[in-house]
Amino acid sequence: MEPSNQKTMKSGITVSKIEPDILRYEIPKDLEMTLEVIKELWEFGNSTYPSGKRKILAVFNANFNPNREAADFMVSQKRAEKVCAEAFCINSAWLRFKTNFYFRIKKPTVPTKVFEDEKAAMTWLREQQS
């Protein structure tokens, strides 16, 4: 990854365009995922891909806590207009369980999957249609 290909957002999240249609979000430890943080990422993604859809790889290295508004936006129909697939790479078994449980209750509008391994997440994302 080239340093010029990375941007650190106001929230501390590092965003990298790792393939022509894939954005990688590196989420810092203990970040509260508020609607403001999610919308910051949303606007950046829309400016990076103004006329096309993107895939997202979100890498969580530690505890994260999305608030209800942020979680609801993540599964909203609006996101399906610009995001075609999303993979969450989460290193905590408990957080993977919690995230999968939430996705069973609130079905995401785009193909979404939770992984422990980033390599497996990338393989899955590459298989998804743009």
Protein backbone atom coordinates (compact mmCIF):
# COMPACT_ATOMS: atom_id res chain seq x y z
CA MET A 1 0.00 0.00 0.00
CA GLU A 2 1.35 3.38 -0.95
CA PRO A 3 1.21 6.15 1.68
CA SER A 4 -0.36 8.45 -0.94
CA ASN A 5 -3.15 5.89 -1.19
CA GLN A 6 -4.06 6.34 2.48
CA LYS A 7 -6.06 8.99 4.27
CA THR A 8 -6.64 9.33 7.97
CA MET A 9 -10.12 10.58 8.71
CA LYS A 10 -11.08 12.98 11.49
CA SER A 11 -12.27 9.98 13.51
CA GLY A 12 -8.82 8.35 13.32
CA ILE A 13 -9.90 5.69 10.82
CA THR A 14 -7.31 5.05 8.12
CA VAL A 15 -8.83 4.55 4.67
CA SER A 16 -6.93 2.94 1.79
CA LYS A 17 -8.01 2.19 -1.76
CA ILE A 18 -6.48 -1.28 -2.02
CA GLU A 19 -8.03 -2.37 -5.32
CA PRO A 20 -9.91 -0.39 -7.97
CA ASP A 21 -13.26 -1.12 -6.32
CA ILE A 22 -12.26 -1.88 -2.69
CA LEU A 23 -11.81 0.54 0.20
CA ARG A 24 -10.13 -0.74 3.36
CA TYR A 25 -11.03 0.89 6.68
CA GLU A 26 -8.63 0.35 9.59
CA ILE A 27 -10.68 1.08 12.71
CA PRO A 28 -8.68 2.31 15.74
CA LYS A 29 -9.01 0.68 19.14
CA ASP A 30 -12.10 1.54 21.20
CA LEU A 31 -13.58 3.94 18.65
CA GLU A 32 -17.24 4.70 19.25
CA MET A 33 -18.88 4.24 15.87
CA THR A 34 -21.34 7.12 15.83
CA LEU A 35 -23.55 8.21 12.96
CA GLU A 36 -21.13 11.13 12.46
CA VAL A 37 -18.21 8.70 11.99
CA ILE A 38 -20.22 6.50 9.59
CA LYS A 39 -21.31 9.51 7.55
CA GLU A 40 -17.69 10.74 7.36
CA LEU A 41 -16.76 7.39 5.77
CA TRP A 42 -19.87 7.48 3.57
CA GLU A 43 -19.03 10.92 2.15
CA PHE A 44 -15.39 9.97 1.57
CA GLY A 45 -16.44 6.81 -0.27
CA ASN A 46 -18.94 8.73 -2.41
CA SER A 47 -16.28 11.28 -3.37
CA THR A 48 -13.80 8.48 -4.20
CA TYR A 49 -16.38 6.58 -6.30
CA PRO A 50 -18.73 9.31 -7.58
CA SER A 51 -20.36 7.22 -10.32
CA GLY A 52 -19.81 3.63 -9.26
CA LYS A 53 -20.26 1.18 -6.46
CA ARG A 54 -17.57 0.10 -4.05
CA LYS A 55 -16.75 -2.82 -1.81
CA ILE A 56 -15.65 -2.25 1.75
CA LEU A 57 -13.26 -4.14 3.99
CA ALA A 58 -13.54 -2.91 7.58
CA VAL A 59 -10.75 -4.14 9.86
CA PHE A 60 -11.47 -3.91 13.57
CA ASN A 61 -8.34 -4.50 15.65
CA ALA A 62 -9.98 -4.11 19.02
CA ASN A 63 -13.22 -3.38 20.78
CA PHE A 64 -15.71 -1.25 18.87
CA ASN A 65 -19.11 -0.02 19.81
CA PRO A 66 -21.54 1.19 17.15
CA ASN A 67 -24.40 3.26 18.48
CA ARG A 68 -27.94 2.47 17.31
CA GLU A 69 -28.11 5.27 14.70
CA ALA A 70 -24.80 4.18 13.17
CA ALA A 71 -25.82 0.50 13.11
CA ASP A 72 -29.16 1.35 11.49
CA PHE A 73 -27.44 3.44 8.78
CA MET A 74 -25.10 0.53 8.06
CA VAL A 75 -28.06 -1.68 7.08
CA SER A 76 -30.10 1.04 5.33
CA GLN A 77 -31.31 0.90 1.75
CA LYS A 78 -29.41 4.14 1.00
CA ARG A 79 -26.09 2.31 1.33
CA ALA A 80 -27.10 -0.23 -1.34
CA GLU A 81 -27.00 2.59 -3.90
CA LYS A 82 -23.21 2.95 -3.49
CA VAL A 83 -21.93 -0.17 -1.70
CA CYS A 84 -22.15 -3.58 -3.37
CA ALA A 85 -20.49 -5.74 -0.67
CA GLU A 86 -18.99 -5.36 2.77
CA ALA A 87 -16.66 -7.56 4.80
CA PHE A 88 -15.93 -7.07 8.47
CA CYS A 89 -12.65 -8.48 9.77
CA ILE A 90 -12.97 -8.73 13.55
CA ASN A 91 -10.30 -10.28 15.77
CA SER A 92 -12.58 -10.93 18.76
CA ALA A 93 -14.76 -14.06 18.78
CA TRP A 94 -17.29 -12.32 21.03
CA LEU A 95 -17.57 -9.29 18.73
CA ARG A 96 -17.89 -11.54 15.66
CA PHE A 97 -20.74 -13.36 17.41
CA LYS A 98 -22.43 -10.07 18.39
CA THR A 99 -22.07 -8.66 14.87
CA ASN A 100 -23.44 -11.81 13.21
CA PHE A 101 -26.36 -11.82 15.65
CA TYR A 102 -27.17 -8.19 14.81
CA PHE A 103 -27.05 -8.96 11.07
CA ARG A 104 -29.54 -11.80 11.57
CA ILE A 105 -31.97 -9.38 13.20
CA LYS A 106 -31.32 -6.37 10.95
CA LYS A 107 -30.62 -7.77 7.51
CA PRO A 108 -28.03 -5.70 5.59
CA THR A 109 -29.18 -4.47 2.19
CA VAL A 110 -25.88 -5.52 0.56
CA PRO A 111 -23.99 -8.82 0.84
CA THR A 112 -22.19 -8.61 4.19
CA LYS A 113 -20.03 -11.15 5.94
CA VAL A 114 -17.93 -11.26 9.11
CA PHE A 115 -14.45 -12.81 9.11
CA GLU A 116 -11.62 -13.46 11.51
CA ASP A 117 -8.99 -13.45 8.75
CA GLU A 118 -8.35 -10.52 6.39
CA LYS A 119 -7.13 -12.77 3.58
CA ALA A 120 -10.41 -14.73 3.63
CA ALA A 121 -12.36 -11.47 3.68
CA MET A 122 -10.51 -10.22 0.59
CA THR A 123 -11.12 -13.50 -1.24
CA TRP A 124 -14.84 -13.22 -0.53
CA LEU A 125 -14.97 -9.53 -1.57
CA ARG A 126 -13.25 -10.28 -4.88
CA GLU A 127 -15.95 -12.88 -5.62
CA GLN A 128 -18.76 -10.35 -5.14
CA GLN A 129 -20.22 -8.56 -8.18
CA SER A 130 -19.48 -4.84 -8.50
